[in-house]
Amino acid sequence: MAKQSLVREFFAFIKHEKKWWMIPLVTVLLIVGGLVLFASSSPLAPFVYPLF
């Protein structure tokens, strides 16, 4: 059995279970996580912190 990537397996689950509402949820979580990582390692951090 070939290993599938996590993203491909996730989309296969969404398609099979018809849970389309999960796509915006995961997208927002990834954006917020990326913003937190960016804010912690950037000289622009003091300007991003007021967003939270």
PDB file of N, CA and C in Angstrom:
ATOM      1  N   MET A   1       0.842  -1.185   0.000  1.00  0.00           N
ATOM      2  CA  MET A   1       0.000   0.000   0.000  1.00  0.00           C
ATOM      3  C   MET A   1       0.883   1.243   0.000  1.00  0.00           C
ATOM      4  N   ALA A   2       0.663   2.113  -0.945  1.00  0.00           N
ATOM      5  CA  ALA A   2       1.465   3.325  -1.045  1.00  0.00           C
ATOM      6  C   ALA A   2       1.024   4.338   0.004  1.00  0.00           C
ATOM      7  N   LYS A   3       2.002   5.040   0.544  1.00  0.00           N
ATOM      8  CA  LYS A   3       1.684   6.070   1.535  1.00  0.00           C
ATOM      9  C   LYS A   3       1.168   7.315   0.823  1.00  0.00           C
ATOM     10  N   GLN A   4       0.104   7.854   1.352  1.00  0.00           N
ATOM     11  CA  GLN A   4      -0.443   9.093   0.810  1.00  0.00           C
ATOM     12  C   GLN A   4       0.035  10.242   1.683  1.00  0.00           C
ATOM     13  N   SER A   5       0.127  11.397   1.083  1.00  0.00           N
ATOM     14  CA  SER A   5       0.499  12.556   1.864  1.00  0.00           C
ATOM     15  C   SER A   5      -0.669  12.926   2.774  1.00  0.00           C
ATOM     16  N   LEU A   6      -0.366  13.662   3.802  1.00  0.00           N
ATOM     17  CA  LEU A   6      -1.381  14.066   4.764  1.00  0.00           C
ATOM     18  C   LEU A   6      -2.448  14.933   4.104  1.00  0.00           C
ATOM     19  N   VAL A   7      -2.028  15.841   3.224  1.00  0.00           N
ATOM     20  CA  VAL A   7      -2.976  16.732   2.555  1.00  0.00           C
ATOM     21  C   VAL A   7      -3.900  15.938   1.635  1.00  0.00           C
ATOM     22  N   ARG A   8      -3.337  15.014   0.881  1.00  0.00           N
ATOM     23  CA  ARG A   8      -4.153  14.206  -0.036  1.00  0.00           C
ATOM     24  C   ARG A   8      -5.144  13.334   0.742  1.00  0.00           C
ATOM     25  N   GLU A   9      -4.685  12.779   1.849  1.00  0.00           N
ATOM     26  CA  GLU A   9      -5.560  11.955   2.669  1.00  0.00           C
ATOM     27  C   GLU A   9      -6.685  12.803   3.290  1.00  0.00           C
ATOM     28  N   PHE A  10      -6.351  14.024   3.699  1.00  0.00           N
ATOM     29  CA  PHE A  10      -7.351  14.921   4.273  1.00  0.00           C
ATOM     30  C   PHE A  10      -8.435  15.245   3.248  1.00  0.00           C
ATOM     31  N   PHE A  11      -8.028  15.586   2.020  1.00  0.00           N
ATOM     32  CA  PHE A  11      -9.012  15.911   0.994  1.00  0.00           C
ATOM     33  C   PHE A  11      -9.829  14.685   0.585  1.00  0.00           C
ATOM     34  N   ALA A  12      -9.229  13.512   0.619  1.00  0.00           N
ATOM     35  CA  ALA A  12      -9.989  12.295   0.332  1.00  0.00           C
ATOM     36  C   ALA A  12     -11.048  12.064   1.415  1.00  0.00           C
ATOM     37  N   PHE A  13     -10.682  12.322   2.668  1.00  0.00           N
ATOM     38  CA  PHE A  13     -11.639  12.204   3.774  1.00  0.00           C
ATOM     39  C   PHE A  13     -12.795  13.182   3.605  1.00  0.00           C
ATOM     40  N   ILE A  14     -12.472  14.435   3.261  1.00  0.00           N
ATOM     41  CA  ILE A  14     -13.512  15.452   3.081  1.00  0.00           C
ATOM     42  C   ILE A  14     -14.457  15.054   1.945  1.00  0.00           C
ATOM     43  N   LYS A  15     -13.893  14.561   0.860  1.00  0.00           N
ATOM     44  CA  LYS A  15     -14.716  14.175  -0.291  1.00  0.00           C
ATOM     45  C   LYS A  15     -15.610  12.984   0.053  1.00  0.00           C
ATOM     46  N   HIS A  16     -15.053  12.015   0.749  1.00  0.00           N
ATOM     47  CA  HIS A  16     -15.808  10.805   1.071  1.00  0.00           C
ATOM     48  C   HIS A  16     -16.891  11.066   2.106  1.00  0.00           C
ATOM     49  N   GLU A  17     -16.563  11.847   3.140  1.00  0.00           N
ATOM     50  CA  GLU A  17     -17.505  12.105   4.233  1.00  0.00           C
ATOM     51  C   GLU A  17     -18.389  13.327   3.993  1.00  0.00           C
ATOM     52  N   LYS A  18     -18.126  14.067   2.914  1.00  0.00           N
ATOM     53  CA  LYS A  18     -18.882  15.270   2.560  1.00  0.00           C
ATOM     54  C   LYS A  18     -18.893  16.279   3.707  1.00  0.00           C
ATOM     55  N   LYS A  19     -17.724  16.562   4.221  1.00  0.00           N
ATOM     56  CA  LYS A  19     -17.566  17.537   5.299  1.00  0.00           C
ATOM     57  C   LYS A  19     -16.857  18.771   4.736  1.00  0.00           C
ATOM     58  N   TRP A  20     -17.509  19.448   3.795  1.00  0.00           N
ATOM     59  CA  TRP A  20     -16.912  20.584   3.110  1.00  0.00           C
ATOM     60  C   TRP A  20     -16.687  21.775   4.021  1.00  0.00           C
ATOM     61  N   TRP A  21     -17.397  21.837   5.138  1.00  0.00           N
ATOM     62  CA  TRP A  21     -17.248  22.948   6.074  1.00  0.00           C
ATOM     63  C   TRP A  21     -15.875  22.945   6.734  1.00  0.00           C
ATOM     64  N   MET A  22     -15.144  21.858   6.658  1.00  0.00           N
ATOM     65  CA  MET A  22     -13.829  21.774   7.299  1.00  0.00           C
ATOM     66  C   MET A  22     -12.753  22.545   6.528  1.00  0.00           C
ATOM     67  N   ILE A  23     -12.950  22.762   5.233  1.00  0.00           N
ATOM     68  CA  ILE A  23     -11.934  23.447   4.432  1.00  0.00           C
ATOM     69  C   ILE A  23     -11.701  24.880   4.913  1.00  0.00           C
ATOM     70  N   PRO A  24     -12.742  25.706   5.099  1.00  0.00           N
ATOM     71  CA  PRO A  24     -12.469  27.057   5.608  1.00  0.00           C
ATOM     72  C   PRO A  24     -11.905  27.049   7.020  1.00  0.00           C
ATOM     73  N   LEU A  25     -12.335  26.114   7.841  1.00  0.00           N
ATOM     74  CA  LEU A  25     -11.835  26.022   9.208  1.00  0.00           C
ATOM     75  C   LEU A  25     -10.337  25.748   9.230  1.00  0.00           C
ATOM     76  N   VAL A  26      -9.896  24.785   8.467  1.00  0.00           N
ATOM     77  CA  VAL A  26      -8.476  24.441   8.412  1.00  0.00           C
ATOM     78  C   VAL A  26      -7.681  25.580   7.779  1.00  0.00           C
ATOM     79  N   THR A  27      -8.241  26.226   6.765  1.00  0.00           N
ATOM     80  CA  THR A  27      -7.558  27.347   6.127  1.00  0.00           C
ATOM     81  C   THR A  27      -7.316  28.482   7.117  1.00  0.00           C
ATOM     82  N   VAL A  28      -8.335  28.829   7.886  1.00  0.00           N
ATOM     83  CA  VAL A  28      -8.192  29.902   8.876  1.00  0.00           C
ATOM     84  C   VAL A  28      -7.185  29.512   9.945  1.00  0.00           C
ATOM     85  N   LEU A  29      -7.211  28.277  10.393  1.00  0.00           N
ATOM     86  CA  LEU A  29      -6.247  27.819  11.397  1.00  0.00           C
ATOM     87  C   LEU A  29      -4.815  27.890  10.867  1.00  0.00           C
ATOM     88  N   LEU A  30      -4.609  27.537   9.612  1.00  0.00           N
ATOM     89  CA  LEU A  30      -3.272  27.619   9.021  1.00  0.00           C
ATOM     90  C   LEU A  30      -2.814  29.066   8.893  1.00  0.00           C
ATOM     91  N   ILE A  31      -3.715  29.956   8.524  1.00  0.00           N
ATOM     92  CA  ILE A  31      -3.359  31.369   8.400  1.00  0.00           C
ATOM     93  C   ILE A  31      -2.993  31.949   9.761  1.00  0.00           C
ATOM     94  N   VAL A  32      -3.795  31.660  10.780  1.00  0.00           N
ATOM     95  CA  VAL A  32      -3.496  32.170  12.125  1.00  0.00           C
ATOM     96  C   VAL A  32      -2.180  31.583  12.639  1.00  0.00           C
ATOM     97  N   GLY A  33      -1.950  30.308  12.396  1.00  0.00           N
ATOM     98  CA  GLY A  33      -0.688  29.690  12.804  1.00  0.00           C
ATOM     99  C   GLY A  33       0.498  30.311  12.098  1.00  0.00           C
ATOM    100  N   GLY A  34       0.360  30.580  10.808  1.00  0.00           N
ATOM    101  CA  GLY A  34       1.438  31.239  10.068  1.00  0.00           C
ATOM    102  C   GLY A  34       1.684  32.645  10.566  1.00  0.00           C
ATOM    103  N   LEU A  35       0.618  33.349  10.917  1.00  0.00           N
ATOM    104  CA  LEU A  35       0.764  34.704  11.448  1.00  0.00           C
ATOM    105  C   LEU A  35       1.459  34.694  12.797  1.00  0.00           C
ATOM    106  N   VAL A  36       1.163  33.726  13.622  1.00  0.00           N
ATOM    107  CA  VAL A  36       1.829  33.610  14.928  1.00  0.00           C
ATOM    108  C   VAL A  36       3.310  33.306  14.731  1.00  0.00           C
ATOM    109  N   LEU A  37       3.635  32.407  13.822  1.00  0.00           N
ATOM    110  CA  LEU A  37       5.043  32.099  13.555  1.00  0.00           C
ATOM    111  C   LEU A  37       5.773  33.310  12.995  1.00  0.00           C
ATOM    112  N   PHE A  38       5.115  34.016  12.099  1.00  0.00           N
ATOM    113  CA  PHE A  38       5.712  35.220  11.519  1.00  0.00           C
ATOM    114  C   PHE A  38       5.935  36.288  12.583  1.00  0.00           C
ATOM    115  N   ALA A  39       4.968  36.424  13.466  1.00  0.00           N
ATOM    116  CA  ALA A  39       5.059  37.461  14.506  1.00  0.00           C
ATOM    117  C   ALA A  39       6.153  37.158  15.519  1.00  0.00           C
ATOM    118  N   SER A  40       6.434  35.896  15.742  1.00  0.00           N
ATOM    119  CA  SER A  40       7.434  35.558  16.752  1.00  0.00           C
ATOM    120  C   SER A  40       8.857  35.652  16.218  1.00  0.00           C
ATOM    121  N   SER A  41       9.027  35.651  14.908  1.00  0.00           N
ATOM    122  CA  SER A  41      10.378  35.635  14.360  1.00  0.00           C
ATOM    123  C   SER A  41      10.655  36.810  13.426  1.00  0.00           C
ATOM    124  N   SER A  42       9.928  37.878  13.578  1.00  0.00           N
ATOM    125  CA  SER A  42      10.064  38.996  12.663  1.00  0.00           C
ATOM    126  C   SER A  42      10.314  40.294  13.425  1.00  0.00           C
ATOM    127  N   PRO A  43      11.047  41.206  12.826  1.00  0.00           N
ATOM    128  CA  PRO A  43      11.198  42.511  13.467  1.00  0.00           C
ATOM    129  C   PRO A  43       9.897  43.318  13.448  1.00  0.00           C
ATOM    130  N   LEU A  44       8.908  42.853  12.699  1.00  0.00           N
ATOM    131  CA  LEU A  44       7.614  43.522  12.666  1.00  0.00           C
ATOM    132  C   LEU A  44       6.672  43.021  13.756  1.00  0.00           C
ATOM    133  N   ALA A  45       7.179  42.192  14.657  1.00  0.00           N
ATOM    134  CA  ALA A  45       6.352  41.599  15.701  1.00  0.00           C
ATOM    135  C   ALA A  45       5.570  42.625  16.506  1.00  0.00           C
ATOM    136  N   PRO A  46       6.140  43.743  16.937  1.00  0.00           N
ATOM    137  CA  PRO A  46       5.331  44.687  17.721  1.00  0.00           C
ATOM    138  C   PRO A  46       4.115  45.237  16.969  1.00  0.00           C
ATOM    139  N   PHE A  47       4.153  45.197  15.646  1.00  0.00           N
ATOM    140  CA  PHE A  47       3.029  45.700  14.873  1.00  0.00           C
ATOM    141  C   PHE A  47       1.970  44.626  14.627  1.00  0.00           C
ATOM    142  N   VAL A  48       2.345  43.358  14.769  1.00  0.00           N
ATOM    143  CA  VAL A  48       1.393  42.266  14.547  1.00  0.00           C
ATOM    144  C   VAL A  48       0.678  41.915  15.840  1.00  0.00           C
ATOM    145  N   TYR A  49       1.316  42.074  16.986  1.00  0.00           N
ATOM    146  CA  TYR A  49       0.714  41.693  18.259  1.00  0.00           C
ATOM    147  C   TYR A  49      -0.606  42.400  18.552  1.00  0.00           C
ATOM    148  N   PRO A  50      -0.804  43.662  18.192  1.00  0.00           N
ATOM    149  CA  PRO A  50      -2.111  44.284  18.469  1.00  0.00           C
ATOM    150  C   PRO A  50      -3.273  43.629  17.729  1.00  0.00           C
ATOM    151  N   LEU A  51      -2.996  42.848  16.703  1.00  0.00           N
ATOM    152  CA  LEU A  51      -4.076  42.147  15.992  1.00  0.00           C
ATOM    153  C   LEU A  51      -4.712  41.091  16.861  1.00  0.00           C
ATOM    154  N   PHE A  52      -3.977  40.582  17.850  1.00  0.00           N
ATOM    155  CA  PHE A  52      -4.511  39.544  18.722  1.00  0.00           C
ATOM    156  C   PHE A  52      -5.006  40.176  19.992  1.00  0.00           C
TER     157      PHE A  52
END
